[in-house]
Amino acid sequence: MGVADKMWDAITAVIKMNDKVERLSGTVKAQQDKIESLTERVVRLEAFVEVGLVAASRKRIDNKG
């Protein structure tokens, strides 16, 4: 195997690696978008639960008084 063949193999390997990195980057971006969406949903759920707890607490206080 000559020097040119070794260089060609190295260049080919770098190109393949670059393609894999680009695909991985896209996957990571998609996962990040999903995580952000789930975070927003959890925040909304927390707010809903908090409002429900406050309402239940007020109802308990009103029933005792």
N, C-alpha and C. Protein backbone atom coordinates (compact mmCIF):
# COMPACT_ATOMS: atom_id res chain seq x y z
N MET A 1 0.85 -1.16 0.00
CA MET A 1 0.00 0.00 0.00
C MET A 1 0.90 1.23 0.00
N GLY A 2 0.67 2.09 -0.93
CA GLY A 2 1.51 3.26 -1.06
C GLY A 2 1.04 4.41 -0.19
N VAL A 3 1.82 5.45 -0.20
CA VAL A 3 1.52 6.63 0.59
C VAL A 3 0.19 7.25 0.13
N ALA A 4 -0.03 7.27 -1.17
CA ALA A 4 -1.27 7.85 -1.70
C ALA A 4 -2.49 7.07 -1.21
N ASP A 5 -2.37 5.74 -1.16
CA ASP A 5 -3.48 4.92 -0.67
C ASP A 5 -3.75 5.20 0.80
N LYS A 6 -2.69 5.33 1.58
CA LYS A 6 -2.86 5.62 3.01
C LYS A 6 -3.50 6.99 3.22
N MET A 7 -3.08 7.95 2.43
CA MET A 7 -3.67 9.29 2.53
C MET A 7 -5.14 9.25 2.14
N TRP A 8 -5.44 8.53 1.07
CA TRP A 8 -6.83 8.43 0.61
C TRP A 8 -7.69 7.78 1.69
N ASP A 9 -7.19 6.71 2.32
CA ASP A 9 -7.93 6.05 3.40
C ASP A 9 -8.15 6.99 4.58
N ALA A 10 -7.14 7.78 4.91
CA ALA A 10 -7.26 8.72 6.02
C ALA A 10 -8.30 9.80 5.70
N ILE A 11 -8.27 10.32 4.49
CA ILE A 11 -9.25 11.33 4.08
C ILE A 11 -10.65 10.75 4.09
N THR A 12 -10.79 9.54 3.60
CA THR A 12 -12.09 8.87 3.60
C THR A 12 -12.60 8.68 5.02
N ALA A 13 -11.71 8.28 5.92
CA ALA A 13 -12.10 8.09 7.32
C ALA A 13 -12.56 9.41 7.94
N VAL A 14 -11.87 10.50 7.64
CA VAL A 14 -12.25 11.80 8.18
C VAL A 14 -13.62 12.22 7.64
N ILE A 15 -13.86 12.00 6.37
CA ILE A 15 -15.16 12.36 5.78
C ILE A 15 -16.28 11.55 6.43
N LYS A 16 -16.05 10.26 6.64
CA LYS A 16 -17.07 9.43 7.28
C LYS A 16 -17.31 9.88 8.71
N MET A 17 -16.23 10.21 9.41
CA MET A 17 -16.35 10.67 10.78
C MET A 17 -17.13 11.99 10.84
N ASN A 18 -16.86 12.88 9.90
CA ASN A 18 -17.57 14.15 9.85
C ASN A 18 -19.06 13.93 9.64
N ASP A 19 -19.41 12.99 8.78
CA ASP A 19 -20.82 12.68 8.53
C ASP A 19 -21.48 12.16 9.80
N LYS A 20 -20.79 11.29 10.51
CA LYS A 20 -21.34 10.75 11.76
C LYS A 20 -21.51 11.86 12.80
N VAL A 21 -20.57 12.76 12.89
CA VAL A 21 -20.66 13.87 13.85
C VAL A 21 -21.85 14.76 13.49
N GLU A 22 -22.05 15.03 12.22
CA GLU A 22 -23.19 15.86 11.80
C GLU A 22 -24.52 15.19 12.12
N ARG A 23 -24.61 13.87 11.92
CA ARG A 23 -25.84 13.16 12.25
C ARG A 23 -26.07 13.16 13.76
N LEU A 24 -25.00 12.96 14.51
CA LEU A 24 -25.11 12.99 15.96
C LEU A 24 -25.55 14.36 16.45
N SER A 25 -25.04 15.40 15.83
CA SER A 25 -25.42 16.77 16.19
C SER A 25 -26.91 16.98 15.98
N GLY A 26 -27.43 16.48 14.89
CA GLY A 26 -28.86 16.58 14.63
C GLY A 26 -29.68 15.82 15.66
N THR A 27 -29.22 14.65 16.03
CA THR A 27 -29.90 13.85 17.05
C THR A 27 -29.90 14.56 18.39
N VAL A 28 -28.76 15.13 18.75
CA VAL A 28 -28.65 15.86 20.01
C VAL A 28 -29.59 17.05 20.02
N LYS A 29 -29.68 17.77 18.92
CA LYS A 29 -30.58 18.92 18.81
C LYS A 29 -32.03 18.49 19.00
N ALA A 30 -32.41 17.38 18.37
CA ALA A 30 -33.78 16.88 18.51
C ALA A 30 -34.07 16.48 19.95
N GLN A 31 -33.11 15.83 20.60
CA GLN A 31 -33.29 15.44 21.99
C GLN A 31 -33.40 16.67 22.90
N GLN A 32 -32.59 17.67 22.62
CA GLN A 32 -32.65 18.91 23.41
C GLN A 32 -34.01 19.57 23.28
N ASP A 33 -34.56 19.58 22.07
CA ASP A 33 -35.90 20.14 21.85
C ASP A 33 -36.95 19.38 22.66
N LYS A 34 -36.84 18.04 22.69
CA LYS A 34 -37.78 17.22 23.45
C LYS A 34 -37.65 17.51 24.95
N ILE A 35 -36.43 17.64 25.43
CA ILE A 35 -36.20 17.93 26.85
C ILE A 35 -36.80 19.27 27.22
N GLU A 36 -36.59 20.27 26.38
CA GLU A 36 -37.15 21.60 26.65
C GLU A 36 -38.67 21.56 26.67
N SER A 37 -39.26 20.80 25.78
CA SER A 37 -40.71 20.66 25.74
C SER A 37 -41.22 19.99 27.02
N LEU A 38 -40.53 18.94 27.44
CA LEU A 38 -40.93 18.26 28.67
C LEU A 38 -40.76 19.16 29.89
N THR A 39 -39.72 19.97 29.89
CA THR A 39 -39.51 20.90 31.00
C THR A 39 -40.67 21.88 31.09
N GLU A 40 -41.10 22.40 29.96
CA GLU A 40 -42.23 23.32 29.95
C GLU A 40 -43.49 22.64 30.48
N ARG A 41 -43.70 21.38 30.12
CA ARG A 41 -44.87 20.66 30.59
C ARG A 41 -44.81 20.44 32.10
N VAL A 42 -43.63 20.13 32.61
CA VAL A 42 -43.48 19.92 34.06
C VAL A 42 -43.76 21.22 34.82
N VAL A 43 -43.29 22.34 34.29
CA VAL A 43 -43.55 23.63 34.94
C VAL A 43 -45.06 23.90 34.99
N ARG A 44 -45.75 23.62 33.90
CA ARG A 44 -47.20 23.81 33.89
C ARG A 44 -47.89 22.90 34.90
N LEU A 45 -47.42 21.64 34.98
CA LEU A 45 -48.00 20.71 35.95
C LEU A 45 -47.75 21.18 37.39
N GLU A 46 -46.55 21.67 37.65
CA GLU A 46 -46.25 22.19 38.98
C GLU A 46 -47.17 23.34 39.35
N ALA A 47 -47.39 24.22 38.41
CA ALA A 47 -48.27 25.36 38.66
C ALA A 47 -49.70 24.88 38.92
N PHE A 48 -50.16 23.91 38.14
CA PHE A 48 -51.50 23.37 38.31
C PHE A 48 -51.65 22.72 39.68
N VAL A 49 -50.66 21.95 40.09
CA VAL A 49 -50.71 21.29 41.40
C VAL A 49 -50.70 22.32 42.51
N GLU A 50 -49.88 23.33 42.37
CA GLU A 50 -49.81 24.37 43.39
C GLU A 50 -51.15 25.10 43.53
N VAL A 51 -51.76 25.44 42.43
CA VAL A 51 -53.07 26.09 42.47
C VAL A 51 -54.09 25.16 43.13
N GLY A 52 -54.04 23.89 42.79
CA GLY A 52 -54.96 22.93 43.40
C GLY A 52 -54.75 22.80 44.90
N LEU A 53 -53.49 22.79 45.33
CA LEU A 53 -53.21 22.69 46.76
C LEU A 53 -53.68 23.94 47.51
N VAL A 54 -53.48 25.09 46.93
CA VAL A 54 -53.94 26.33 47.56
C VAL A 54 -55.47 26.31 47.66
N ALA A 55 -56.13 25.91 46.61
CA ALA A 55 -57.59 25.86 46.62
C ALA A 55 -58.09 24.86 47.66
N ALA A 56 -57.45 23.72 47.76
CA ALA A 56 -57.85 22.72 48.74
C ALA A 56 -57.61 23.23 50.16
N SER A 57 -56.52 23.92 50.35
CA SER A 57 -56.21 24.49 51.67
C SER A 57 -57.25 25.52 52.06
N ARG A 58 -57.63 26.38 51.14
CA ARG A 58 -58.64 27.40 51.42
C ARG A 58 -59.99 26.76 51.72
N LYS A 59 -60.30 25.70 50.99
CA LYS A 59 -61.57 25.02 51.20
C LYS A 59 -61.61 24.41 52.59
N ARG A 60 -60.49 23.83 53.02
CA ARG A 60 -60.41 23.25 54.37
C ARG A 60 -60.58 24.32 55.44
N ILE A 61 -59.93 25.46 55.23
CA ILE A 61 -60.02 26.58 56.19
C ILE A 61 -61.47 27.09 56.24
N ASP A 62 -62.10 27.23 55.07
CA ASP A 62 -63.48 27.71 55.03
C ASP A 62 -64.43 26.75 55.72
N ASN A 63 -64.20 25.45 55.59
CA ASN A 63 -65.08 24.45 56.21
C ASN A 63 -64.91 24.43 57.72
N LYS A 64 -63.73 24.76 58.23
CA LYS A 64 -63.51 24.78 59.69
C LYS A 64 -64.09 26.03 60.32
N GLY A 65 -64.06 27.14 59.57
CA GLY A 65 -64.47 28.42 60.14
C GLY A 65 -65.92 28.59 60.08
